[in-house]
Amino acid sequence: MSLPPFALPRPAQPPRSRAAGSLSRRALLGQAAFGFLASAAQAAPQVRTVGCAAADWPLWNSFYERFGTDDGRIIDFSVPQMHTTSEGQSYAMLFALVADQPERFERLWRWSVANLAGGNIASRLPAWQWGQLKDGSWGVIDNNPASDADLWFAYTLLEAARVWKKPAYEADARTLLARIVQDEVVDLPGLGKMLLPGPVGFSFPEQKLWRLNPSYLPLPLLRRFTQADPHGPWAQIAGNTVRLLGETALRAYVPDWVAWRQDDSGQGRFVVDPQAGDLGSYDAIRSYLWAGMLPGADPAAALLRRQIGAMAQATEQADAPPEKVQTRTAVAQGTGPVGFSAALLPLLQVEQRQAALALQQKRVEARLNEPGSKLPYYDLVLSLFGTGWIEKRYQFLPSGRLQLSWEKACPTANAR
């Protein structure tokens, strides 16, 4: 079965009992028919002023009008279950933070806790998929957490606690980090600490094999966790992430999935993933995005960009990035969607590929400004990441902390 970008293949788990706070089926289908989930009045951000102009992000606001509910759920209509994923919720929390929307941020987090984590993040990590069940009711579809979303949840909570002076968010972040270490971090023989994509279905010690996803490992987040939890595994995971990218991007293209295999000596090496092969596409595009947003002062920045530089080169030589690449042979196929162009904007800028940057910016802006344009969900998510960074709405500092444009414009914001 072909899966959309956010529906990454994860082992199915028995669904939990239906969570509280869901929309009725009739109401949800009625909203879906109109292509948005809340009226403009419901979806509009609650603007607060503190003696200067509040942050305004039209692309994010229009995204929320299409895909967000007034109680804090992000829905992807590209799948029959009209599902919500933990990735989608965690990304939306980042965008709400960038837009200085604490009320929206709170609703997104509380919906996630209530519906994806059974109301208690101390006892379990958020389930990765929630939506319409086979019997027509609404609840958790796949109980297995997704570690990339768990990292983004923890990261946005740490940063929200810092900029909005909300200690409860930091407490939640630390609770999540402890559970991530307990449930999703593994000590790989011959490598050391590494993050699995989820607690179940990616570790096969009887086969001496562990599956990994490079795009689940944004280095800025790992830098932030190293600062917040210096006794944790984060620095080692960050170092192993750089090694993973260097040893698996053999032709300087990142694969979607890789594997670590232990050898007879008790050591190990990175190998082609036995399920996904060496394809680089809808997952891998995020690896280029994270690399592009890595600050130049980061000790791994220059090395990392050399290790995975082929995508920027290929985009410079064409009108658009390729959709698929066989990473062992560098054979490319198809034209990547506009979201791929948006995701590559940071990398093209830091690599000073000005002509390619201008061409891809033009492609993105043309689609975003096209009358009646309804870009798919994943394209818009990538566009929010890429254009938000290019517009300097947010940047990552070497410590992993966020530098937010509204913090500069509103010097009293941190007193809130």
Protein backbone atom coordinates (compact mmCIF):
# COMPACT_ATOMS: atom_id res chain seq x y z
CA MET A 1 0.00 0.00 0.00
CA SER A 2 1.31 3.42 -0.91
CA LEU A 3 1.56 5.67 2.12
CA PRO A 4 1.55 9.49 2.22
CA PRO A 5 4.62 11.27 3.56
CA PHE A 6 3.39 11.53 7.14
CA ALA A 7 2.10 7.95 7.18
CA LEU A 8 5.51 6.37 7.50
CA PRO A 9 5.42 2.59 7.76
CA ARG A 10 5.27 1.65 11.42
CA PRO A 11 4.39 -1.69 12.98
CA ALA A 12 0.70 -1.79 13.81
CA GLN A 13 -0.20 -2.09 17.46
CA PRO A 14 -3.57 -2.84 19.05
CA PRO A 15 -5.45 0.49 19.31
CA ARG A 16 -6.03 1.96 22.72
CA SER A 17 -9.51 2.79 23.93
CA ARG A 18 -11.00 5.85 22.29
CA ALA A 19 -9.55 9.09 23.59
CA ALA A 20 -11.55 12.00 24.91
CA GLY A 21 -11.98 15.26 23.05
CA SER A 22 -12.65 13.90 19.56
CA LEU A 23 -14.97 15.57 17.07
CA SER A 24 -18.18 13.88 16.04
CA ARG A 25 -18.00 12.09 12.71
CA ARG A 26 -20.78 14.22 11.23
CA ALA A 27 -19.12 17.45 12.28
CA LEU A 28 -15.71 16.36 11.01
CA LEU A 29 -17.00 15.23 7.64
CA GLY A 30 -18.92 18.45 7.24
CA GLN A 31 -15.78 20.47 7.91
CA ALA A 32 -13.74 18.31 5.56
CA ALA A 33 -16.20 18.89 2.73
CA PHE A 34 -15.49 22.59 2.86
CA GLY A 35 -11.71 22.04 3.00
CA PHE A 36 -11.18 23.66 6.36
CA LEU A 37 -11.82 22.68 9.94
CA ALA A 38 -12.71 25.88 11.71
CA SER A 39 -14.25 29.15 10.73
CA ALA A 40 -11.98 32.12 10.31
CA ALA A 41 -13.10 33.41 13.68
CA GLN A 42 -12.33 30.10 15.38
CA ALA A 43 -8.98 29.58 13.67
CA ALA A 44 -7.63 33.10 13.94
CA PRO A 45 -4.77 33.43 16.39
CA GLN A 46 -5.42 35.28 19.61
CA VAL A 47 -3.23 38.33 19.15
CA ARG A 48 -1.72 39.88 22.26
CA THR A 49 0.16 43.15 22.25
CA VAL A 50 2.98 44.11 24.57
CA GLY A 51 3.84 47.54 23.28
CA CYS A 52 5.01 46.36 19.86
CA ALA A 53 3.68 44.51 16.84
CA ALA A 54 2.84 40.87 17.55
CA ALA A 55 4.21 38.21 15.23
CA ASP A 56 2.07 37.56 12.15
CA TRP A 57 2.64 34.56 9.90
CA PRO A 58 0.00 34.42 7.15
CA LEU A 59 1.14 31.05 5.75
CA TRP A 60 0.89 29.39 9.16
CA ASN A 61 -2.49 30.98 9.86
CA SER A 62 -3.89 29.79 6.52
CA PHE A 63 -2.46 26.32 7.16
CA TYR A 64 -4.25 26.17 10.51
CA GLU A 65 -7.51 27.30 8.93
CA ARG A 66 -7.32 24.36 6.52
CA PHE A 67 -5.98 21.63 8.78
CA GLY A 68 -6.47 22.71 12.41
CA THR A 69 -9.42 22.53 14.77
CA ASP A 70 -10.33 24.98 17.47
CA ASP A 71 -9.52 22.36 20.13
CA GLY A 72 -5.96 21.81 18.89
CA ARG A 73 -5.97 18.92 16.42
CA ILE A 74 -4.13 18.92 13.07
CA ILE A 75 -5.81 16.69 10.47
CA ASP A 76 -4.28 15.28 7.29
CA PHE A 77 -7.11 14.64 4.83
CA SER A 78 -4.89 12.78 2.36
CA VAL A 79 -5.65 9.42 4.02
CA PRO A 80 -9.06 7.76 4.43
CA GLN A 81 -8.80 7.83 8.23
CA MET A 82 -8.41 11.64 8.13
CA HIS A 83 -5.71 11.05 10.65
CA THR A 84 -3.72 13.13 13.08
CA THR A 85 -0.09 12.19 13.60
CA SER A 86 2.21 12.99 16.46
CA GLU A 87 4.59 14.50 13.92
CA GLY A 88 1.90 16.88 12.75
CA GLN A 89 1.03 17.94 16.28
CA SER A 90 4.65 18.52 17.27
CA TYR A 91 5.46 20.49 14.11
CA ALA A 92 2.36 22.63 14.65
CA MET A 93 3.55 23.41 18.18
CA LEU A 94 6.83 24.69 16.74
CA PHE A 95 4.99 26.90 14.25
CA ALA A 96 2.72 28.27 16.99
CA LEU A 97 5.82 29.10 19.03
CA VAL A 98 7.44 30.84 16.05
CA ALA A 99 4.23 32.85 15.57
CA ASP A 100 4.05 33.77 19.28
CA GLN A 101 0.68 32.10 19.80
CA PRO A 102 0.77 30.64 23.33
CA GLU A 103 -2.97 29.92 23.47
CA ARG A 104 -2.83 27.88 20.27
CA PHE A 105 0.33 26.15 21.45
CA GLU A 106 -1.43 25.16 24.68
CA ARG A 107 -4.42 23.71 22.83
CA LEU A 108 -2.18 21.68 20.52
CA TRP A 109 -0.24 20.24 23.46
CA ARG A 110 -3.27 19.50 25.62
CA TRP A 111 -5.06 17.74 22.75
CA SER A 112 -1.93 15.66 22.14
CA VAL A 113 -1.62 14.65 25.78
CA ALA A 114 -5.30 13.80 26.16
CA ASN A 115 -5.70 11.88 22.91
CA LEU A 116 -2.27 10.51 21.97
CA ALA A 117 -0.80 9.86 25.42
CA GLY A 118 -3.89 8.74 27.29
CA GLY A 119 -3.74 11.84 29.44
CA ASN A 120 -0.41 10.98 31.10
CA ILE A 121 2.98 11.47 29.43
CA ALA A 122 4.71 10.08 32.50
CA SER A 123 3.28 6.64 31.76
CA ARG A 124 3.56 6.56 27.96
CA LEU A 125 4.81 8.44 24.94
CA PRO A 126 2.24 9.83 22.48
CA ALA A 127 0.84 7.38 19.93
CA TRP A 128 1.85 8.29 16.41
CA GLN A 129 -1.55 7.94 14.66
CA TRP A 130 -5.10 8.91 15.68
CA GLY A 131 -8.14 9.01 13.43
CA GLN A 132 -11.22 7.16 12.25
CA LEU A 133 -11.25 3.50 13.27
CA LYS A 134 -12.74 0.68 11.21
CA ASP A 135 -15.95 0.75 13.23
CA GLY A 136 -16.43 4.45 12.39
CA SER A 137 -15.43 5.75 15.82
CA TRP A 138 -12.43 7.98 16.48
CA GLY A 139 -9.34 7.13 18.49
CA VAL A 140 -5.78 5.79 18.40
CA ILE A 141 -5.14 3.81 15.23
CA ASP A 142 -1.51 2.90 15.88
CA ASN A 143 -0.31 2.90 19.46
CA ASN A 144 3.41 2.88 18.62
CA PRO A 145 5.11 6.25 19.31
CA ALA A 146 7.28 8.01 16.74
CA SER A 147 10.59 9.20 18.14
CA ASP A 148 10.98 12.18 15.82
CA ALA A 149 7.70 13.60 17.07
CA ASP A 150 8.73 12.86 20.64
CA LEU A 151 11.93 14.89 20.12
CA TRP A 152 10.00 17.81 18.63
CA PHE A 153 7.44 17.72 21.44
CA ALA A 154 10.21 17.88 24.04
CA TYR A 155 12.10 20.58 22.14
CA THR A 156 9.15 22.90 21.62
CA LEU A 157 8.16 22.52 25.27
CA LEU A 158 11.67 23.44 26.43
CA GLU A 159 11.71 26.50 24.21
CA ALA A 160 8.17 27.53 25.11
CA ALA A 161 9.08 27.29 28.80
CA ARG A 162 12.06 29.54 28.19
CA VAL A 163 10.47 32.30 26.09
CA TRP A 164 7.02 32.36 27.69
CA LYS A 165 8.23 31.71 31.26
CA LYS A 166 6.14 28.55 31.70
CA PRO A 167 7.94 26.15 34.08
CA ALA A 168 5.23 23.50 33.62
CA TYR A 169 6.32 23.10 30.00
CA GLU A 170 9.90 22.41 31.04
CA ALA A 171 8.67 19.79 33.50
CA ASP A 172 6.71 18.11 30.69
CA ALA A 173 9.76 18.26 28.41
CA ARG A 174 11.96 16.57 30.99
CA THR A 175 9.32 13.90 31.54
CA LEU A 176 9.28 13.23 27.81
CA LEU A 177 13.07 13.12 27.56
CA ALA A 178 13.23 10.54 30.35
CA ARG A 179 10.66 8.35 28.60
CA ILE A 180 12.43 8.72 25.24
CA VAL A 181 15.64 7.48 26.86
CA GLN A 182 13.79 4.61 28.49
CA ASP A 183 11.68 3.53 25.52
CA GLU A 184 13.43 4.66 22.31
CA VAL A 185 17.18 4.91 22.93
CA VAL A 186 19.24 1.78 22.40
CA ASP A 187 22.93 0.97 22.91
CA LEU A 188 23.98 -0.46 19.55
CA PRO A 189 26.94 -2.87 19.63
CA GLY A 190 29.97 -1.21 18.12
CA LEU A 191 28.26 2.18 17.84
CA GLY A 192 26.81 3.27 21.17
CA LYS A 193 23.67 5.21 22.01
CA MET A 194 21.22 5.77 19.18
CA LEU A 195 17.57 6.71 18.73
CA LEU A 196 15.23 4.09 17.30
CA PRO A 197 12.29 5.33 15.17
CA GLY A 198 9.92 3.93 17.80
CA PRO A 199 9.82 1.51 20.72
CA VAL A 200 8.36 -1.43 18.76
CA GLY A 201 9.27 -2.97 15.43
CA PHE A 202 12.71 -1.52 14.66
CA SER A 203 15.00 -3.61 16.86
CA PHE A 204 15.83 -7.17 15.80
CA PRO A 205 18.62 -8.33 18.12
CA GLU A 206 18.08 -11.96 17.15
CA GLN A 207 19.05 -10.92 13.61
CA LYS A 208 21.68 -8.50 14.92
CA LEU A 209 19.89 -5.72 13.04
CA TRP A 210 18.39 -2.34 13.99
CA ARG A 211 16.50 -0.04 11.59
CA LEU A 212 17.10 3.73 11.76
CA ASN A 213 15.70 6.82 10.06
CA PRO A 214 18.20 9.68 9.46
CA SER A 215 15.45 12.30 9.17
CA TYR A 216 14.34 11.59 12.75
CA LEU A 217 17.57 13.10 14.09
CA PRO A 218 17.75 16.92 13.71
CA LEU A 219 21.08 17.99 15.16
CA PRO A 220 19.84 21.34 16.58
CA LEU A 221 17.40 19.44 18.80
CA LEU A 222 20.11 17.08 20.00
CA ARG A 223 22.33 20.08 20.83
CA ARG A 224 19.51 21.58 22.90
CA PHE A 225 18.94 18.35 24.79
CA THR A 226 22.66 18.05 25.49
CA GLN A 227 22.47 21.44 27.17
CA ALA A 228 19.26 20.70 29.07
CA ASP A 229 20.21 17.13 30.07
CA PRO A 230 24.03 16.98 30.09
CA HIS A 231 24.09 13.53 31.69
CA GLY A 232 21.81 12.08 29.01
CA PRO A 233 22.78 10.27 25.79
CA TRP A 234 22.22 13.26 23.51
CA ALA A 235 25.82 14.23 22.75
CA GLN A 236 26.62 10.63 21.81
CA ILE A 237 23.51 10.38 19.66
CA ALA A 238 24.47 13.62 17.90
CA GLY A 239 27.95 12.28 17.13
CA ASN A 240 26.52 9.00 15.88
CA THR A 241 24.05 10.92 13.69
CA VAL A 242 26.92 12.68 11.92
CA ARG A 243 28.63 9.32 11.51
CA LEU A 244 25.43 7.73 10.18
CA LEU A 245 25.03 10.41 7.51
CA GLY A 246 28.68 10.21 6.51
CA GLU A 247 28.71 6.42 6.17
CA THR A 248 25.31 5.93 4.50
CA ALA A 249 25.26 8.87 2.06
CA LEU A 250 27.78 7.09 -0.15
CA ARG A 251 27.14 9.33 -3.17
CA ALA A 252 26.30 12.32 -0.94
CA TYR A 253 22.57 11.54 -1.07
CA VAL A 254 20.67 10.66 2.12
CA PRO A 255 18.55 7.48 2.18
CA ASP A 256 15.13 7.43 3.80
CA TRP A 257 16.02 4.45 5.98
CA VAL A 258 19.25 2.71 6.99
CA ALA A 259 20.16 -0.18 9.27
CA TRP A 260 22.91 -1.06 11.72
CA ARG A 261 24.12 -4.66 11.60
CA GLN A 262 26.31 -6.30 14.23
CA ASP A 263 29.08 -8.48 12.82
CA ASP A 264 30.59 -11.67 14.19
CA SER A 265 33.28 -9.75 16.06
CA GLY A 266 30.65 -7.96 18.13
CA GLN A 267 31.18 -4.69 16.29
CA GLY A 268 28.96 -3.44 13.50
CA ARG A 269 28.42 -1.22 10.48
CA PHE A 270 25.72 0.71 8.67
CA VAL A 271 24.04 -1.24 5.87
CA VAL A 272 21.26 -0.72 3.35
CA ASP A 273 17.88 -1.02 5.00
CA PRO A 274 16.45 -4.49 4.25
CA GLN A 275 12.90 -3.16 3.85
CA ALA A 276 13.19 0.25 2.19
CA GLY A 277 16.43 -0.31 0.27
CA ASP A 278 18.61 2.66 -0.62
CA LEU A 279 15.82 5.00 -1.74
CA GLY A 280 16.03 8.64 -0.72
CA SER A 281 12.80 10.62 -1.08
CA TYR A 282 10.00 11.92 1.17
CA ASP A 283 11.76 11.13 4.44
CA ALA A 284 15.24 12.10 3.34
CA ILE A 285 14.20 15.58 2.24
CA ARG A 286 13.95 16.50 5.91
CA SER A 287 17.59 15.53 6.47
CA TYR A 288 18.64 18.20 3.97
CA LEU A 289 16.29 20.65 5.69
CA TRP A 290 17.82 20.04 9.13
CA ALA A 291 21.35 20.28 7.70
CA GLY A 292 20.57 23.59 6.01
CA MET A 293 19.21 25.09 9.23
CA LEU A 294 22.20 23.97 11.30
CA PRO A 295 24.12 27.12 12.35
CA GLY A 296 27.50 27.58 10.71
CA ALA A 297 29.19 27.69 14.12
CA ASP A 298 28.07 24.15 14.88
CA PRO A 299 31.18 21.92 14.84
CA ALA A 300 29.49 19.43 12.48
CA ALA A 301 28.00 21.94 10.01
CA ALA A 302 30.71 22.09 7.35
CA LEU A 303 31.42 18.34 7.46
CA LEU A 304 27.75 17.41 7.34
CA ARG A 305 27.01 19.62 4.35
CA ARG A 306 29.89 18.09 2.43
CA GLN A 307 28.68 14.61 3.30
CA ILE A 308 25.19 15.17 1.86
CA GLY A 309 25.85 17.87 -0.73
CA ALA A 310 24.64 16.05 -3.84
CA MET A 311 21.02 17.13 -3.52
CA ALA A 312 21.96 20.81 -3.56
CA GLN A 313 24.15 20.18 -6.60
CA ALA A 314 21.41 18.28 -8.42
CA THR A 315 18.91 21.04 -7.70
CA GLU A 316 21.35 23.65 -8.98
CA GLN A 317 21.59 21.76 -12.27
CA ALA A 318 17.83 21.40 -12.79
CA ASP A 319 14.60 23.34 -12.50
CA ALA A 320 13.57 21.40 -9.39
CA PRO A 321 14.99 18.77 -7.04
CA PRO A 322 14.49 15.11 -7.95
CA GLU A 323 11.67 13.22 -6.26
CA LYS A 324 13.56 9.95 -5.78
CA VAL A 325 17.22 9.00 -5.70
CA GLN A 326 18.82 5.55 -5.48
CA THR A 327 21.52 6.62 -3.09
CA ARG A 328 24.06 3.90 -3.94
CA THR A 329 24.11 4.78 -7.64
CA ALA A 330 22.95 8.44 -7.55
CA VAL A 331 20.30 7.62 -10.17
CA ALA A 332 17.50 10.17 -9.83
CA GLN A 333 13.88 9.92 -10.91
CA GLY A 334 10.99 12.33 -11.22
CA THR A 335 10.49 15.92 -10.17
CA GLY A 336 10.13 16.63 -6.50
CA PRO A 337 6.99 18.45 -5.34
CA VAL A 338 7.13 22.09 -4.37
CA GLY A 339 7.63 21.13 -0.74
CA PHE A 340 11.01 19.66 -1.67
CA SER A 341 12.03 23.03 -3.11
CA ALA A 342 10.94 24.75 0.11
CA ALA A 343 12.84 22.26 2.26
CA LEU A 344 16.04 22.92 0.32
CA LEU A 345 15.94 26.72 0.63
CA PRO A 346 18.06 26.85 3.81
CA LEU A 347 20.71 24.52 2.38
CA LEU A 348 20.89 26.40 -0.91
CA GLN A 349 21.29 29.66 0.97
CA VAL A 350 24.05 28.53 3.31
CA GLU A 351 25.81 26.85 0.39
CA GLN A 352 25.61 30.20 -1.45
CA ARG A 353 24.02 28.65 -4.52
CA GLN A 354 22.31 31.92 -5.35
CA ALA A 355 20.89 31.05 -8.77
CA ALA A 356 19.39 27.80 -7.52
CA LEU A 357 18.07 29.53 -4.42
CA ALA A 358 16.33 32.22 -6.48
CA LEU A 359 14.82 29.64 -8.84
CA GLN A 360 13.46 27.45 -6.04
CA GLN A 361 12.15 30.47 -4.11
CA LYS A 362 10.33 31.55 -7.26
CA ARG A 363 8.84 28.07 -7.64
CA VAL A 364 7.65 28.01 -4.03
CA GLU A 365 6.24 31.53 -4.07
CA ALA A 366 4.41 30.90 -7.35
CA ARG A 367 2.60 27.88 -5.91
CA LEU A 368 1.86 29.51 -2.57
CA ASN A 369 0.46 32.62 -4.27
CA GLU A 370 -1.44 30.80 -7.01
CA PRO A 371 -5.14 31.78 -6.84
CA GLY A 372 -7.16 28.93 -5.36
CA SER A 373 -4.04 26.87 -4.76
CA LYS A 374 -4.52 24.06 -2.24
CA LEU A 375 -1.07 22.61 -1.73
CA PRO A 376 -1.03 19.16 -0.10
CA TYR A 377 -0.46 18.90 3.62
CA TYR A 378 3.17 17.74 3.53
CA ASP A 379 4.17 20.34 0.95
CA LEU A 380 2.78 23.04 3.22
CA VAL A 381 4.56 21.66 6.29
CA LEU A 382 7.88 21.70 4.44
CA SER A 383 7.08 25.19 3.14
CA LEU A 384 6.47 26.45 6.66
CA PHE A 385 9.81 25.08 7.79
CA GLY A 386 11.79 26.32 4.79
CA THR A 387 10.25 29.74 4.17
CA GLY A 388 9.97 30.47 7.89
CA TRP A 389 13.71 29.99 8.23
CA ILE A 390 14.53 31.97 5.06
CA GLU A 391 12.35 34.83 6.31
CA LYS A 392 14.28 34.69 9.62
CA ARG A 393 11.16 34.09 11.63
CA TYR A 394 13.29 31.58 13.50
CA GLN A 395 16.89 30.39 13.49
CA PHE A 396 18.77 27.80 15.52
CA LEU A 397 21.67 28.96 17.67
CA PRO A 398 24.76 26.74 18.19
CA SER A 399 23.36 25.77 21.61
CA GLY A 400 20.25 24.46 19.87
CA ARG A 401 18.09 27.24 21.24
CA LEU A 402 15.70 29.12 18.98
CA GLN A 403 16.27 32.69 17.97
CA LEU A 404 12.79 34.06 17.30
CA SER A 405 12.10 37.21 15.32
CA TRP A 406 9.41 38.36 17.75
CA GLU A 407 11.83 38.17 20.68
CA LYS A 408 13.89 40.88 18.99
CA ALA A 409 10.86 42.96 18.02
CA CYS A 410 9.21 42.60 21.42
CA PRO A 411 11.91 42.93 24.09
CA THR A 412 9.34 42.65 26.86
CA ALA A 413 8.00 39.34 25.52
CA ASN A 414 10.13 37.25 27.83
CA ALA A 415 8.50 38.89 30.84
CA ARG A 416 5.20 37.27 29.96
